[in-house]
Amino acid sequence: MPTDSAVNPRDALIDRVQRAVNDVSYPAHPRTLLDAARQAQADFEVLDALRGLPDEAFGGFAEVSASIVAGIDARALPRRETPG
């Protein structure tokens, strides 16, 4: 069984986001999720992840999580040099 120290940082963030928005009713827009996270006194990283969500209605936390992970993965990709 993995210990907390073995948890992937991305998974840990998703877990914190989920706890922060646990009481939200779906569908929900990012503004609603942010408000809930602020009420839960979520940390900056959680709020930042929610600020990065596209302005659309999310049908459930699985959609929120997928969008956050996609954003993290997109930022983690190395930039390619363009021939010039």
PDB file of N, CA and C in Angstrom:
ATOM      1  N   MET A   1       0.853  -1.187   0.000  1.00  0.00           N
ATOM      2  CA  MET A   1       0.000   0.000   0.000  1.00  0.00           C
ATOM      3  C   MET A   1       0.892   1.242   0.000  1.00  0.00           C
ATOM      4  N   PRO A   2       0.664   2.189  -0.941  1.00  0.00           N
ATOM      5  CA  PRO A   2       1.530   3.362  -1.007  1.00  0.00           C
ATOM      6  C   PRO A   2       1.317   4.280   0.184  1.00  0.00           C
ATOM      7  N   THR A   3       2.401   4.897   0.596  1.00  0.00           N
ATOM      8  CA  THR A   3       2.315   5.883   1.669  1.00  0.00           C
ATOM      9  C   THR A   3       2.052   7.246   1.051  1.00  0.00           C
ATOM     10  N   ASP A   4       1.736   8.221   1.883  1.00  0.00           N
ATOM     11  CA  ASP A   4       1.485   9.571   1.384  1.00  0.00           C
ATOM     12  C   ASP A   4       2.682  10.129   0.629  1.00  0.00           C
ATOM     13  N   SER A   5       3.892   9.763   1.063  1.00  0.00           N
ATOM     14  CA  SER A   5       5.074  10.287   0.401  1.00  0.00           C
ATOM     15  C   SER A   5       5.248   9.713  -0.999  1.00  0.00           C
ATOM     16  N   ALA A   6       4.559   8.599  -1.298  1.00  0.00           N
ATOM     17  CA  ALA A   6       4.671   7.975  -2.614  1.00  0.00           C
ATOM     18  C   ALA A   6       3.597   8.463  -3.581  1.00  0.00           C
ATOM     19  N   VAL A   7       2.727   9.343  -3.119  1.00  0.00           N
ATOM     20  CA  VAL A   7       1.627   9.823  -3.954  1.00  0.00           C
ATOM     21  C   VAL A   7       2.160  10.802  -4.997  1.00  0.00           C
ATOM     22  N   ASN A   8       1.713  10.620  -6.212  1.00  0.00           N
ATOM     23  CA  ASN A   8       2.057  11.517  -7.308  1.00  0.00           C
ATOM     24  C   ASN A   8       1.546  12.925  -6.958  1.00  0.00           C
ATOM     25  N   PRO A   9       2.347  13.978  -7.152  1.00  0.00           N
ATOM     26  CA  PRO A   9       1.900  15.337  -6.821  1.00  0.00           C
ATOM     27  C   PRO A   9       0.619  15.738  -7.558  1.00  0.00           C
ATOM     28  N   ARG A  10       0.470  15.292  -8.804  1.00  0.00           N
ATOM     29  CA  ARG A  10      -0.739  15.603  -9.566  1.00  0.00           C
ATOM     30  C   ARG A  10      -1.958  14.960  -8.904  1.00  0.00           C
ATOM     31  N   ASP A  11      -1.814  13.699  -8.488  1.00  0.00           N
ATOM     32  CA  ASP A  11      -2.918  13.007  -7.819  1.00  0.00           C
ATOM     33  C   ASP A  11      -3.253  13.657  -6.485  1.00  0.00           C
ATOM     34  N   ALA A  12      -2.220  14.111  -5.788  1.00  0.00           N
ATOM     35  CA  ALA A  12      -2.438  14.789  -4.513  1.00  0.00           C
ATOM     36  C   ALA A  12      -3.208  16.093  -4.721  1.00  0.00           C
ATOM     37  N   LEU A  13      -2.876  16.819  -5.783  1.00  0.00           N
ATOM     38  CA  LEU A  13      -3.598  18.051  -6.096  1.00  0.00           C
ATOM     39  C   LEU A  13      -5.065  17.741  -6.398  1.00  0.00           C
ATOM     40  N   ILE A  14      -5.309  16.742  -7.235  1.00  0.00           N
ATOM     41  CA  ILE A  14      -6.686  16.384  -7.581  1.00  0.00           C
ATOM     42  C   ILE A  14      -7.462  16.011  -6.325  1.00  0.00           C
ATOM     43  N   ASP A  15      -6.819  15.292  -5.414  1.00  0.00           N
ATOM     44  CA  ASP A  15      -7.473  14.917  -4.164  1.00  0.00           C
ATOM     45  C   ASP A  15      -7.837  16.151  -3.350  1.00  0.00           C
ATOM     46  N   ARG A  16      -6.924  17.126  -3.277  1.00  0.00           N
ATOM     47  CA  ARG A  16      -7.207  18.359  -2.540  1.00  0.00           C
ATOM     48  C   ARG A  16      -8.317  19.167  -3.198  1.00  0.00           C
ATOM     49  N   VAL A  17      -8.324  19.203  -4.524  1.00  0.00           N
ATOM     50  CA  VAL A  17      -9.395  19.908  -5.244  1.00  0.00           C
ATOM     51  C   VAL A  17     -10.727  19.240  -4.933  1.00  0.00           C
ATOM     52  N   GLN A  18     -10.756  17.921  -5.002  1.00  0.00           N
ATOM     53  CA  GLN A  18     -12.002  17.199  -4.748  1.00  0.00           C
ATOM     54  C   GLN A  18     -12.535  17.478  -3.346  1.00  0.00           C
ATOM     55  N   ARG A  19     -11.652  17.488  -2.363  1.00  0.00           N
ATOM     56  CA  ARG A  19     -12.102  17.798  -0.996  1.00  0.00           C
ATOM     57  C   ARG A  19     -12.638  19.225  -0.903  1.00  0.00           C
ATOM     58  N   ALA A  20     -12.006  20.147  -1.626  1.00  0.00           N
ATOM     59  CA  ALA A  20     -12.411  21.557  -1.560  1.00  0.00           C
ATOM     60  C   ALA A  20     -13.768  21.815  -2.201  1.00  0.00           C
ATOM     61  N   VAL A  21     -14.133  21.012  -3.191  1.00  0.00           N
ATOM     62  CA  VAL A  21     -15.398  21.235  -3.906  1.00  0.00           C
ATOM     63  C   VAL A  21     -16.397  20.115  -3.640  1.00  0.00           C
ATOM     64  N   ASN A  22     -16.180  19.377  -2.586  1.00  0.00           N
ATOM     65  CA  ASN A  22     -16.978  18.199  -2.269  1.00  0.00           C
ATOM     66  C   ASN A  22     -18.480  18.476  -2.182  1.00  0.00           C
ATOM     67  N   ASP A  23     -18.858  19.650  -1.722  1.00  0.00           N
ATOM     68  CA  ASP A  23     -20.282  19.947  -1.513  1.00  0.00           C
ATOM     69  C   ASP A  23     -20.967  20.594  -2.711  1.00  0.00           C
ATOM     70  N   VAL A  24     -20.260  20.732  -3.825  1.00  0.00           N
ATOM     71  CA  VAL A  24     -20.820  21.382  -5.011  1.00  0.00           C
ATOM     72  C   VAL A  24     -21.820  20.457  -5.699  1.00  0.00           C
ATOM     73  N   SER A  25     -22.922  21.034  -6.156  1.00  0.00           N
ATOM     74  CA  SER A  25     -23.905  20.299  -6.965  1.00  0.00           C
ATOM     75  C   SER A  25     -23.571  20.522  -8.434  1.00  0.00           C
ATOM     76  N   TYR A  26     -23.619  19.464  -9.196  1.00  0.00           N
ATOM     77  CA  TYR A  26     -23.313  19.540 -10.631  1.00  0.00           C
ATOM     78  C   TYR A  26     -24.593  19.480 -11.432  1.00  0.00           C
ATOM     79  N   PRO A  27     -24.598  20.085 -12.627  1.00  0.00           N
ATOM     80  CA  PRO A  27     -23.498  20.748 -13.311  1.00  0.00           C
ATOM     81  C   PRO A  27     -23.080  22.033 -12.592  1.00  0.00           C
ATOM     82  N   ALA A  28     -21.780  22.342 -12.736  1.00  0.00           N
ATOM     83  CA  ALA A  28     -21.225  23.520 -12.085  1.00  0.00           C
ATOM     84  C   ALA A  28     -20.210  24.193 -12.995  1.00  0.00           C
ATOM     85  N   HIS A  29     -20.162  25.504 -12.912  1.00  0.00           N
ATOM     86  CA  HIS A  29     -19.196  26.302 -13.662  1.00  0.00           C
ATOM     87  C   HIS A  29     -17.971  26.568 -12.779  1.00  0.00           C
ATOM     88  N   PRO A  30     -16.855  26.930 -13.375  1.00  0.00           N
ATOM     89  CA  PRO A  30     -15.648  27.197 -12.593  1.00  0.00           C
ATOM     90  C   PRO A  30     -15.861  28.213 -11.465  1.00  0.00           C
ATOM     91  N   ARG A  31     -16.686  29.222 -11.701  1.00  0.00           N
ATOM     92  CA  ARG A  31     -16.931  30.239 -10.666  1.00  0.00           C
ATOM     93  C   ARG A  31     -17.523  29.599  -9.406  1.00  0.00           C
ATOM     94  N   THR A  32     -18.458  28.681  -9.594  1.00  0.00           N
ATOM     95  CA  THR A  32     -19.077  27.980  -8.468  1.00  0.00           C
ATOM     96  C   THR A  32     -18.044  27.131  -7.741  1.00  0.00           C
ATOM     97  N   LEU A  33     -17.191  26.462  -8.506  1.00  0.00           N
ATOM     98  CA  LEU A  33     -16.148  25.625  -7.920  1.00  0.00           C
ATOM     99  C   LEU A  33     -15.155  26.477  -7.134  1.00  0.00           C
ATOM    100  N   LEU A  34     -14.773  27.610  -7.702  1.00  0.00           N
ATOM    101  CA  LEU A  34     -13.862  28.525  -7.010  1.00  0.00           C
ATOM    102  C   LEU A  34     -14.472  29.050  -5.711  1.00  0.00           C
ATOM    103  N   ASP A  35     -15.732  29.428  -5.770  1.00  0.00           N
ATOM    104  CA  ASP A  35     -16.406  29.920  -4.565  1.00  0.00           C
ATOM    105  C   ASP A  35     -16.407  28.857  -3.471  1.00  0.00           C
ATOM    106  N   ALA A  36     -16.697  27.613  -3.856  1.00  0.00           N
ATOM    107  CA  ALA A  36     -16.714  26.518  -2.885  1.00  0.00           C
ATOM    108  C   ALA A  36     -15.319  26.282  -2.303  1.00  0.00           C
ATOM    109  N   ALA A  37     -14.302  26.343  -3.153  1.00  0.00           N
ATOM    110  CA  ALA A  37     -12.930  26.130  -2.695  1.00  0.00           C
ATOM    111  C   ALA A  37     -12.497  27.242  -1.739  1.00  0.00           C
ATOM    112  N   ARG A  38     -12.898  28.453  -2.040  1.00  0.00           N
ATOM    113  CA  ARG A  38     -12.572  29.567  -1.130  1.00  0.00           C
ATOM    114  C   ARG A  38     -13.256  29.369   0.219  1.00  0.00           C
ATOM    115  N   GLN A  39     -14.526  28.947   0.184  1.00  0.00           N
ATOM    116  CA  GLN A  39     -15.264  28.678   1.429  1.00  0.00           C
ATOM    117  C   GLN A  39     -14.578  27.588   2.249  1.00  0.00           C
ATOM    118  N   ALA A  40     -13.988  26.620   1.544  1.00  0.00           N
ATOM    119  CA  ALA A  40     -13.290  25.514   2.207  1.00  0.00           C
ATOM    120  C   ALA A  40     -11.864  25.893   2.596  1.00  0.00           C
ATOM    121  N   GLN A  41     -11.491  27.148   2.338  1.00  0.00           N
ATOM    122  CA  GLN A  41     -10.151  27.657   2.634  1.00  0.00           C
ATOM    123  C   GLN A  41      -9.062  26.822   1.966  1.00  0.00           C
ATOM    124  N   ALA A  42      -9.304  26.524   0.684  1.00  0.00           N
ATOM    125  CA  ALA A  42      -8.349  25.746  -0.105  1.00  0.00           C
ATOM    126  C   ALA A  42      -7.059  26.534  -0.306  1.00  0.00           C
ATOM    127  N   ASP A  43      -5.983  25.801  -0.517  1.00  0.00           N
ATOM    128  CA  ASP A  43      -4.690  26.447  -0.720  1.00  0.00           C
ATOM    129  C   ASP A  43      -4.591  27.062  -2.118  1.00  0.00           C
ATOM    130  N   PHE A  44      -3.524  27.847  -2.324  1.00  0.00           N
ATOM    131  CA  PHE A  44      -3.335  28.567  -3.578  1.00  0.00           C
ATOM    132  C   PHE A  44      -3.295  27.631  -4.778  1.00  0.00           C
ATOM    133  N   GLU A  45      -2.623  26.493  -4.639  1.00  0.00           N
ATOM    134  CA  GLU A  45      -2.491  25.568  -5.766  1.00  0.00           C
ATOM    135  C   GLU A  45      -3.855  25.044  -6.222  1.00  0.00           C
ATOM    136  N   VAL A  46      -4.741  24.774  -5.290  1.00  0.00           N
ATOM    137  CA  VAL A  46      -6.097  24.323  -5.614  1.00  0.00           C
ATOM    138  C   VAL A  46      -6.848  25.443  -6.334  1.00  0.00           C
ATOM    139  N   LEU A  47      -6.784  26.643  -5.787  1.00  0.00           N
ATOM    140  CA  LEU A  47      -7.476  27.769  -6.411  1.00  0.00           C
ATOM    141  C   LEU A  47      -6.925  28.044  -7.803  1.00  0.00           C
ATOM    142  N   ASP A  48      -5.622  27.949  -7.953  1.00  0.00           N
ATOM    143  CA  ASP A  48      -4.988  28.174  -9.251  1.00  0.00           C
ATOM    144  C   ASP A  48      -5.448  27.129 -10.269  1.00  0.00           C
ATOM    145  N   ALA A  49      -5.546  25.879  -9.840  1.00  0.00           N
ATOM    146  CA  ALA A  49      -6.008  24.812 -10.733  1.00  0.00           C
ATOM    147  C   ALA A  49      -7.439  25.093 -11.195  1.00  0.00           C
ATOM    148  N   LEU A  50      -8.281  25.557 -10.293  1.00  0.00           N
ATOM    149  CA  LEU A  50      -9.667  25.861 -10.648  1.00  0.00           C
ATOM    150  C   LEU A  50      -9.756  27.099 -11.543  1.00  0.00           C
ATOM    151  N   ARG A  51      -8.875  28.064 -11.336  1.00  0.00           N
ATOM    152  CA  ARG A  51      -8.863  29.251 -12.195  1.00  0.00           C
ATOM    153  C   ARG A  51      -8.502  28.889 -13.634  1.00  0.00           C
ATOM    154  N   GLY A  52      -7.769  27.812 -13.811  1.00  0.00           N
ATOM    155  CA  GLY A  52      -7.348  27.390 -15.143  1.00  0.00           C
ATOM    156  C   GLY A  52      -8.398  26.616 -15.921  1.00  0.00           C
ATOM    157  N   LEU A  53      -9.539  26.357 -15.310  1.00  0.00           N
ATOM    158  CA  LEU A  53     -10.587  25.605 -16.002  1.00  0.00           C
ATOM    159  C   LEU A  53     -11.240  26.454 -17.091  1.00  0.00           C
ATOM    160  N   PRO A  54     -11.640  25.818 -18.189  1.00  0.00           N
ATOM    161  CA  PRO A  54     -12.371  26.562 -19.215  1.00  0.00           C
ATOM    162  C   PRO A  54     -13.745  26.969 -18.690  1.00  0.00           C
ATOM    163  N   ASP A  55     -14.285  28.040 -19.232  1.00  0.00           N
ATOM    164  CA  ASP A  55     -15.582  28.555 -18.798  1.00  0.00           C
ATOM    165  C   ASP A  55     -16.696  27.736 -19.439  1.00  0.00           C
ATOM    166  N   GLU A  56     -16.994  26.619 -18.799  1.00  0.00           N
ATOM    167  CA  GLU A  56     -18.053  25.729 -19.279  1.00  0.00           C
ATOM    168  C   GLU A  56     -18.636  25.005 -18.083  1.00  0.00           C
ATOM    169  N   ALA A  57     -19.804  24.426 -18.286  1.00  0.00           N
ATOM    170  CA  ALA A  57     -20.440  23.659 -17.213  1.00  0.00           C
ATOM    171  C   ALA A  57     -19.803  22.273 -17.152  1.00  0.00           C
ATOM    172  N   PHE A  58     -19.430  21.859 -15.954  1.00  0.00           N
ATOM    173  CA  PHE A  58     -18.881  20.532 -15.734  1.00  0.00           C
ATOM    174  C   PHE A  58     -19.974  19.650 -15.146  1.00  0.00           C
ATOM    175  N   GLY A  59     -20.135  18.466 -15.723  1.00  0.00           N
ATOM    176  CA  GLY A  59     -21.200  17.562 -15.303  1.00  0.00           C
ATOM    177  C   GLY A  59     -20.917  16.803 -14.028  1.00  0.00           C
ATOM    178  N   GLY A  60     -19.666  16.752 -13.627  1.00  0.00           N
ATOM    179  CA  GLY A  60     -19.287  16.053 -12.408  1.00  0.00           C
ATOM    180  C   GLY A  60     -17.812  16.254 -12.139  1.00  0.00           C
ATOM    181  N   PHE A  61     -17.371  15.752 -10.979  1.00  0.00           N
ATOM    182  CA  PHE A  61     -15.975  15.975 -10.635  1.00  0.00           C
ATOM    183  C   PHE A  61     -15.027  15.273 -11.595  1.00  0.00           C
ATOM    184  N   ALA A  62     -15.427  14.174 -12.192  1.00  0.00           N
ATOM    185  CA  ALA A  62     -14.552  13.482 -13.148  1.00  0.00           C
ATOM    186  C   ALA A  62     -14.176  14.413 -14.304  1.00  0.00           C
ATOM    187  N   GLU A  63     -15.109  15.237 -14.753  1.00  0.00           N
ATOM    188  CA  GLU A  63     -14.827  16.196 -15.826  1.00  0.00           C
ATOM    189  C   GLU A  63     -13.895  17.302 -15.339  1.00  0.00           C
ATOM    190  N   VAL A  64     -14.107  17.755 -14.116  1.00  0.00           N
ATOM    191  CA  VAL A  64     -13.238  18.775 -13.534  1.00  0.00           C
ATOM    192  C   VAL A  64     -11.816  18.229 -13.442  1.00  0.00           C
ATOM    193  N   SER A  65     -11.703  17.029 -12.901  1.00  0.00           N
ATOM    194  CA  SER A  65     -10.396  16.388 -12.739  1.00  0.00           C
ATOM    195  C   SER A  65      -9.692  16.213 -14.075  1.00  0.00           C
ATOM    196  N   ALA A  66     -10.415  15.722 -15.075  1.00  0.00           N
ATOM    197  CA  ALA A  66      -9.816  15.513 -16.398  1.00  0.00           C
ATOM    198  C   ALA A  66      -9.315  16.827 -16.986  1.00  0.00           C
ATOM    199  N   SER A  67     -10.059  17.890 -16.803  1.00  0.00           N
ATOM    200  CA  SER A  67      -9.655  19.188 -17.335  1.00  0.00           C
ATOM    201  C   SER A  67      -8.415  19.716 -16.617  1.00  0.00           C
ATOM    202  N   ILE A  68      -8.359  19.546 -15.311  1.00  0.00           N
ATOM    203  CA  ILE A  68      -7.185  19.987 -14.554  1.00  0.00           C
ATOM    204  C   ILE A  68      -5.955  19.194 -14.990  1.00  0.00           C
ATOM    205  N   VAL A  69      -6.096  17.876 -15.102  1.00  0.00           N
ATOM    206  CA  VAL A  69      -4.976  17.024 -15.512  1.00  0.00           C
ATOM    207  C   VAL A  69      -4.512  17.389 -16.920  1.00  0.00           C
ATOM    208  N   ALA A  70      -5.446  17.637 -17.820  1.00  0.00           N
ATOM    209  CA  ALA A  70      -5.080  18.028 -19.189  1.00  0.00           C
ATOM    210  C   ALA A  70      -4.286  19.331 -19.175  1.00  0.00           C
ATOM    211  N   GLY A  71      -4.685  20.265 -18.337  1.00  0.00           N
ATOM    212  CA  GLY A  71      -3.969  21.531 -18.231  1.00  0.00           C
ATOM    213  C   GLY A  71      -2.572  21.342 -17.668  1.00  0.00           C
ATOM    214  N   ILE A  72      -2.443  20.499 -16.664  1.00  0.00           N
ATOM    215  CA  ILE A  72      -1.132  20.212 -16.080  1.00  0.00           C
ATOM    216  C   ILE A  72      -0.241  19.550 -17.124  1.00  0.00           C
ATOM    217  N   ASP A  73      -0.786  18.566 -17.817  1.00  0.00           N
ATOM    218  CA  ASP A  73      -0.005  17.855 -18.829  1.00  0.00           C
ATOM    219  C   ASP A  73       0.418  18.780 -19.965  1.00  0.00           C
ATOM    220  N   ALA A  74      -0.456  19.683 -20.373  1.00  0.00           N
ATOM    221  CA  ALA A  74      -0.132  20.605 -21.462  1.00  0.00           C
ATOM    222  C   ALA A  74       1.005  21.538 -21.053  1.00  0.00           C
ATOM    223  N   ARG A  75       0.990  21.981 -19.809  1.00  0.00           N
ATOM    224  CA  ARG A  75       2.056  22.865 -19.334  1.00  0.00           C
ATOM    225  C   ARG A  75       3.365  22.115 -19.152  1.00  0.00           C
ATOM    226  N   ALA A  76       3.300  20.811 -18.935  1.00  0.00           N
ATOM    227  CA  ALA A  76       4.503  20.018 -18.688  1.00  0.00           C
ATOM    228  C   ALA A  76       5.214  19.602 -19.972  1.00  0.00           C
ATOM    229  N   LEU A  77       4.533  19.680 -21.111  1.00  0.00           N
ATOM    230  CA  LEU A  77       5.157  19.268 -22.369  1.00  0.00           C
ATOM    231  C   LEU A  77       6.287  20.220 -22.721  1.00  0.00           C
ATOM    232  N   PRO A  78       7.405  19.669 -23.169  1.00  0.00           N
ATOM    233  CA  PRO A  78       8.495  20.558 -23.576  1.00  0.00           C
ATOM    234  C   PRO A  78       8.109  21.347 -24.822  1.00  0.00           C
ATOM    235  N   ARG A  79       8.551  22.573 -24.867  1.00  0.00           N
ATOM    236  CA  ARG A  79       8.248  23.409 -26.029  1.00  0.00           C
ATOM    237  C   ARG A  79       9.174  23.030 -27.155  1.00  0.00           C
ATOM    238  N   ARG A  80       8.609  22.981 -28.338  1.00  0.00           N
ATOM    239  CA  ARG A  80       9.406  22.654 -29.509  1.00  0.00           C
ATOM    240  C   ARG A  80       9.937  23.932 -30.132  1.00  0.00           C
ATOM    241  N   GLU A  81      11.150  23.848 -30.558  1.00  0.00           N
ATOM    242  CA  GLU A  81      11.747  24.969 -31.262  1.00  0.00           C
ATOM    243  C   GLU A  81      11.141  25.039 -32.661  1.00  0.00           C
ATOM    244  N   THR A  82      10.748  26.217 -33.063  1.00  0.00           N
ATOM    245  CA  THR A  82      10.215  26.385 -34.419  1.00  0.00           C
ATOM    246  C   THR A  82      11.345  26.800 -35.329  1.00  0.00           C
ATOM    247  N   PRO A  83      11.427  26.164 -36.485  1.00  0.00           N
ATOM    248  CA  PRO A  83      12.502  26.550 -37.409  1.00  0.00           C
ATOM    249  C   PRO A  83      12.308  27.998 -37.851  1.00  0.00           C
ATOM    250  N   GLY A  84      13.363  28.698 -37.895  1.00  0.00           N
ATOM    251  CA  GLY A  84      13.194  30.089 -38.219  1.00  0.00           C
ATOM    252  C   GLY A  84      14.277  30.598 -39.011  1.00  0.00           C
TER     253      GLY A  84
END
